[in-house]
Amino acid sequence: MYTVRIGAPVAEAQIDTLSKQEIDVLLEIYEVLRLTPGNGRRLTLAGNMHVWDHAGISVTYVVLDAPQREVSVLRVDRHPF
């Protein structure tokens, strides 16, 4: 299992503006990232930066494998339904 943490001040500010419903979606995304962070869409072929889109919320994150086993959230964006 991976630990999900906020890795950038911009992500924290974006999360602060989310509605309750959007926070619930974000928590669903976090649960998936804890288990399978590598399944997100890769931003580059050789990198460890990914994007996960779900129900109008997009999370951009970096996967830090061994020894950290951590997901660092860089951005949380809204997308229209």
Protein backbone atom coordinates (compact mmCIF):
# COMPACT_ATOMS: atom_id res chain seq x y z
CA MET A 1 0.00 0.00 0.00
CA TYR A 2 1.08 3.56 -0.72
CA THR A 3 0.70 6.68 1.41
CA VAL A 4 -1.04 9.60 -0.31
CA ARG A 5 0.15 13.06 0.69
CA ILE A 6 -0.22 16.60 -0.60
CA GLY A 7 3.06 17.43 -2.30
CA ALA A 8 2.52 21.05 -3.39
CA PRO A 9 0.93 24.19 -1.96
CA VAL A 10 -1.07 24.65 -5.17
CA ALA A 11 -2.77 21.27 -4.61
CA GLU A 12 -3.67 22.23 -1.06
CA ALA A 13 -5.19 25.51 -2.27
CA GLN A 14 -7.16 23.70 -5.00
CA ILE A 15 -8.50 21.15 -2.51
CA ASP A 16 -9.67 23.97 -0.21
CA THR A 17 -12.03 25.20 -2.96
CA LEU A 18 -13.72 21.84 -3.61
CA SER A 19 -17.34 21.20 -2.67
CA LYS A 20 -18.34 18.32 -0.36
CA GLN A 21 -19.34 16.21 -3.37
CA GLU A 22 -15.99 16.90 -5.05
CA ILE A 23 -14.13 16.02 -1.84
CA ASP A 24 -15.98 12.69 -1.81
CA VAL A 25 -14.77 12.02 -5.37
CA LEU A 26 -11.24 13.02 -4.38
CA LEU A 27 -11.33 10.56 -1.48
CA GLU A 28 -12.41 7.80 -3.91
CA ILE A 29 -9.42 8.66 -6.10
CA TYR A 30 -7.12 8.59 -3.06
CA GLU A 31 -8.31 5.08 -2.17
CA VAL A 32 -7.43 3.84 -5.66
CA LEU A 33 -4.06 5.61 -5.55
CA ARG A 34 -3.23 3.93 -2.23
CA LEU A 35 -3.59 0.54 -3.93
CA THR A 36 -2.62 1.01 -7.59
CA PRO A 37 -1.03 4.41 -8.27
CA GLY A 38 0.77 3.15 -11.37
CA ASN A 39 -2.52 2.60 -13.20
CA GLY A 40 -3.03 6.32 -13.77
CA ARG A 41 -2.35 7.86 -17.18
CA ARG A 42 1.39 8.54 -17.52
CA LEU A 43 2.33 12.08 -18.50
CA THR A 44 5.61 10.90 -20.06
CA LEU A 45 6.75 7.52 -21.25
CA ALA A 46 9.76 7.29 -18.95
CA GLY A 47 8.63 9.28 -15.92
CA ASN A 48 6.76 8.59 -12.73
CA MET A 49 4.25 11.45 -13.07
CA HIS A 50 0.63 10.40 -13.63
CA VAL A 51 -2.90 11.79 -13.94
CA TRP A 52 -6.06 10.14 -12.63
CA ASP A 53 -9.41 11.47 -13.90
CA HIS A 54 -12.67 10.46 -12.25
CA ALA A 55 -16.15 12.03 -12.04
CA GLY A 56 -15.05 15.57 -12.89
CA ILE A 57 -11.87 15.63 -10.77
CA SER A 58 -8.35 15.26 -12.15
CA VAL A 59 -5.39 14.51 -9.87
CA THR A 60 -1.81 14.99 -11.07
CA TYR A 61 0.68 13.10 -8.94
CA VAL A 62 4.14 11.57 -8.69
CA VAL A 63 4.69 7.98 -7.58
CA LEU A 64 7.66 7.43 -5.29
CA ASP A 65 8.36 3.71 -5.14
CA ALA A 66 10.72 1.88 -2.78
CA PRO A 67 11.57 2.75 -0.13
CA GLN A 68 9.00 5.58 0.19
CA ARG A 69 5.92 3.89 -1.37
CA GLU A 70 4.29 7.28 -1.54
CA VAL A 71 1.98 9.20 -3.87
CA SER A 72 2.65 12.94 -3.89
CA VAL A 73 -0.35 14.96 -5.15
CA LEU A 74 0.75 18.01 -7.17
CA ARG A 75 -2.54 19.32 -8.61
CA VAL A 76 -6.28 18.73 -8.15
CA ASP A 77 -8.33 20.17 -11.02
CA ARG A 78 -12.06 20.31 -11.77
CA HIS A 79 -13.41 19.24 -15.13
CA PRO A 80 -16.98 19.77 -16.31
CA PHE A 81 -19.20 16.68 -16.17
